[in-house]
Amino acid sequence: MAIHQILRRSLSAGKILSSSKGSTDVPKGHFAVYVGEGEKRRFVIPVSYLNQSSFQDLLIQAEDEFGFDYPVGGLTIPCSEEVFTDLISRLDRI
């Protein structure tokens, strides 16, 4: 499945989950992902990260591990929060 299809699914799921949990909606140009190996933490990140090969690698890993049946109902990335926040901080500097 292509990256834009993954995004479309994650945006739909993210908006449903954010409204059902009382969180604010996902801002335009962003999408929600759930990260963690045990308990999942929700991150709202810019769509521009989808252009980065390191982020695409995480999406491929998520597809390999979860397919498209995510346990928390939204795009889930199977890595530790520490690894994810390190990647995000590097992407923020690009």
C-alpha atoms as a PDB file:
ATOM      1  CA  MET A   1       0.000   0.000   0.000  1.00  0.00           C
ATOM      2  CA  ALA A   2       1.313   3.440  -0.908  1.00  0.00           C
ATOM      3  CA  ILE A   3       2.304   6.106   1.618  1.00  0.00           C
ATOM      4  CA  HIS A   4      -0.616   8.362   0.615  1.00  0.00           C
ATOM      5  CA  GLN A   5      -3.046   5.506   1.330  1.00  0.00           C
ATOM      6  CA  ILE A   6      -1.458   4.969   4.747  1.00  0.00           C
ATOM      7  CA  LEU A   7      -1.837   8.683   5.422  1.00  0.00           C
ATOM      8  CA  ARG A   8      -5.477   8.695   4.335  1.00  0.00           C
ATOM      9  CA  ARG A   9      -6.241   5.829   6.737  1.00  0.00           C
ATOM     10  CA  SER A  10      -4.285   7.408   9.590  1.00  0.00           C
ATOM     11  CA  LEU A  11      -5.941  10.805   9.182  1.00  0.00           C
ATOM     12  CA  SER A  12      -9.411   9.274   9.320  1.00  0.00           C
ATOM     13  CA  ALA A  13      -8.594   7.148  12.352  1.00  0.00           C
ATOM     14  CA  GLY A  14      -6.711   9.968  14.087  1.00  0.00           C
ATOM     15  CA  LYS A  15      -9.617  12.397  13.894  1.00  0.00           C
ATOM     16  CA  ILE A  16     -12.057   9.811  15.236  1.00  0.00           C
ATOM     17  CA  LEU A  17      -9.770   8.863  18.116  1.00  0.00           C
ATOM     18  CA  SER A  18      -8.873  12.420  19.028  1.00  0.00           C
ATOM     19  CA  SER A  19     -12.505  13.482  19.259  1.00  0.00           C
ATOM     20  CA  SER A  20     -13.569  10.369  21.183  1.00  0.00           C
ATOM     21  CA  LYS A  21     -10.797  10.851  23.751  1.00  0.00           C
ATOM     22  CA  GLY A  22     -11.536  14.529  24.247  1.00  0.00           C
ATOM     23  CA  SER A  23      -8.273  15.650  22.641  1.00  0.00           C
ATOM     24  CA  THR A  24      -8.160  18.543  20.237  1.00  0.00           C
ATOM     25  CA  ASP A  25      -8.531  17.813  16.540  1.00  0.00           C
ATOM     26  CA  VAL A  26      -5.485  17.171  14.424  1.00  0.00           C
ATOM     27  CA  PRO A  27      -4.345  20.490  12.918  1.00  0.00           C
ATOM     28  CA  LYS A  28      -4.312  20.914   9.156  1.00  0.00           C
ATOM     29  CA  GLY A  29      -1.084  19.590   7.680  1.00  0.00           C
ATOM     30  CA  HIS A  30      -0.537  17.104  10.529  1.00  0.00           C
ATOM     31  CA  PHE A  31      -1.571  13.575  11.437  1.00  0.00           C
ATOM     32  CA  ALA A  32      -1.678  11.449  14.569  1.00  0.00           C
ATOM     33  CA  VAL A  33       0.392   8.345  15.193  1.00  0.00           C
ATOM     34  CA  TYR A  34       0.585   6.037  18.181  1.00  0.00           C
ATOM     35  CA  VAL A  35       4.053   5.040  19.319  1.00  0.00           C
ATOM     36  CA  GLY A  36       5.305   2.528  21.817  1.00  0.00           C
ATOM     37  CA  GLU A  37       6.074  -1.089  22.443  1.00  0.00           C
ATOM     38  CA  GLY A  38       3.621  -1.529  25.324  1.00  0.00           C
ATOM     39  CA  GLU A  39       1.356   1.357  26.185  1.00  0.00           C
ATOM     40  CA  LYS A  40       0.952   3.645  23.190  1.00  0.00           C
ATOM     41  CA  ARG A  41       1.445   7.412  23.264  1.00  0.00           C
ATOM     42  CA  ARG A  42      -0.216   9.678  20.703  1.00  0.00           C
ATOM     43  CA  PHE A  43       1.937  12.105  18.695  1.00  0.00           C
ATOM     44  CA  VAL A  44       0.675  14.673  16.193  1.00  0.00           C
ATOM     45  CA  ILE A  45       3.301  15.236  13.525  1.00  0.00           C
ATOM     46  CA  PRO A  46       3.608  17.197  10.263  1.00  0.00           C
ATOM     47  CA  VAL A  47       2.610  15.509   7.005  1.00  0.00           C
ATOM     48  CA  SER A  48       5.964  16.653   5.586  1.00  0.00           C
ATOM     49  CA  TYR A  49       7.642  13.808   7.530  1.00  0.00           C
ATOM     50  CA  LEU A  50       6.141  11.403   4.992  1.00  0.00           C
ATOM     51  CA  ASN A  51       8.748  12.610   2.489  1.00  0.00           C
ATOM     52  CA  GLN A  52      11.629  11.510   4.723  1.00  0.00           C
ATOM     53  CA  SER A  53      13.112   8.063   4.063  1.00  0.00           C
ATOM     54  CA  SER A  54      13.724   7.375   7.758  1.00  0.00           C
ATOM     55  CA  PHE A  55      10.042   7.996   8.539  1.00  0.00           C
ATOM     56  CA  GLN A  56       8.981   5.877   5.554  1.00  0.00           C
ATOM     57  CA  ASP A  57      11.095   3.043   6.977  1.00  0.00           C
ATOM     58  CA  LEU A  58       9.095   3.247  10.214  1.00  0.00           C
ATOM     59  CA  LEU A  59       5.835   3.092   8.243  1.00  0.00           C
ATOM     60  CA  ILE A  60       7.017  -0.005   6.389  1.00  0.00           C
ATOM     61  CA  GLN A  61       7.957  -1.606   9.714  1.00  0.00           C
ATOM     62  CA  ALA A  62       4.508  -0.718  11.091  1.00  0.00           C
ATOM     63  CA  GLU A  63       2.842  -2.334   8.067  1.00  0.00           C
ATOM     64  CA  ASP A  64       4.991  -5.467   8.435  1.00  0.00           C
ATOM     65  CA  GLU A  65       4.138  -5.802  12.130  1.00  0.00           C
ATOM     66  CA  PHE A  66       0.496  -4.701  12.235  1.00  0.00           C
ATOM     67  CA  GLY A  67      -0.762  -4.811   8.659  1.00  0.00           C
ATOM     68  CA  PHE A  68      -3.620  -2.356   8.655  1.00  0.00           C
ATOM     69  CA  ASP A  69      -5.408  -3.658  11.744  1.00  0.00           C
ATOM     70  CA  TYR A  70      -3.965  -1.274  14.299  1.00  0.00           C
ATOM     71  CA  PRO A  71      -4.539  -2.239  17.941  1.00  0.00           C
ATOM     72  CA  VAL A  72      -5.405   1.314  19.090  1.00  0.00           C
ATOM     73  CA  GLY A  73      -7.452   2.182  16.005  1.00  0.00           C
ATOM     74  CA  GLY A  74      -4.933   4.578  14.451  1.00  0.00           C
ATOM     75  CA  LEU A  75      -1.568   4.415  12.755  1.00  0.00           C
ATOM     76  CA  THR A  76       0.720   2.594  15.193  1.00  0.00           C
ATOM     77  CA  ILE A  77       4.500   2.678  14.963  1.00  0.00           C
ATOM     78  CA  PRO A  78       6.176  -0.258  16.731  1.00  0.00           C
ATOM     79  CA  CYS A  79       9.233   1.337  18.282  1.00  0.00           C
ATOM     80  CA  SER A  80      10.128   2.816  21.638  1.00  0.00           C
ATOM     81  CA  GLU A  81       9.125   6.408  22.335  1.00  0.00           C
ATOM     82  CA  GLU A  82      12.820   7.219  22.755  1.00  0.00           C
ATOM     83  CA  VAL A  83      13.689   6.029  19.231  1.00  0.00           C
ATOM     84  CA  PHE A  84      10.679   7.875  17.788  1.00  0.00           C
ATOM     85  CA  THR A  85      11.387  11.169  19.556  1.00  0.00           C
ATOM     86  CA  ASP A  86      15.045  10.942  18.482  1.00  0.00           C
ATOM     87  CA  LEU A  87      13.950  10.478  14.849  1.00  0.00           C
ATOM     88  CA  ILE A  88      11.438  13.335  15.103  1.00  0.00           C
ATOM     89  CA  SER A  89      14.029  15.674  16.582  1.00  0.00           C
ATOM     90  CA  ARG A  90      16.374  14.896  13.664  1.00  0.00           C
ATOM     91  CA  LEU A  91      13.553  15.458  11.141  1.00  0.00           C
ATOM     92  CA  ASP A  92      12.716  18.788  12.784  1.00  0.00           C
ATOM     93  CA  ARG A  93      16.250  19.992  12.004  1.00  0.00           C
ATOM     94  CA  ILE A  94      15.963  19.186   8.289  1.00  0.00           C
END
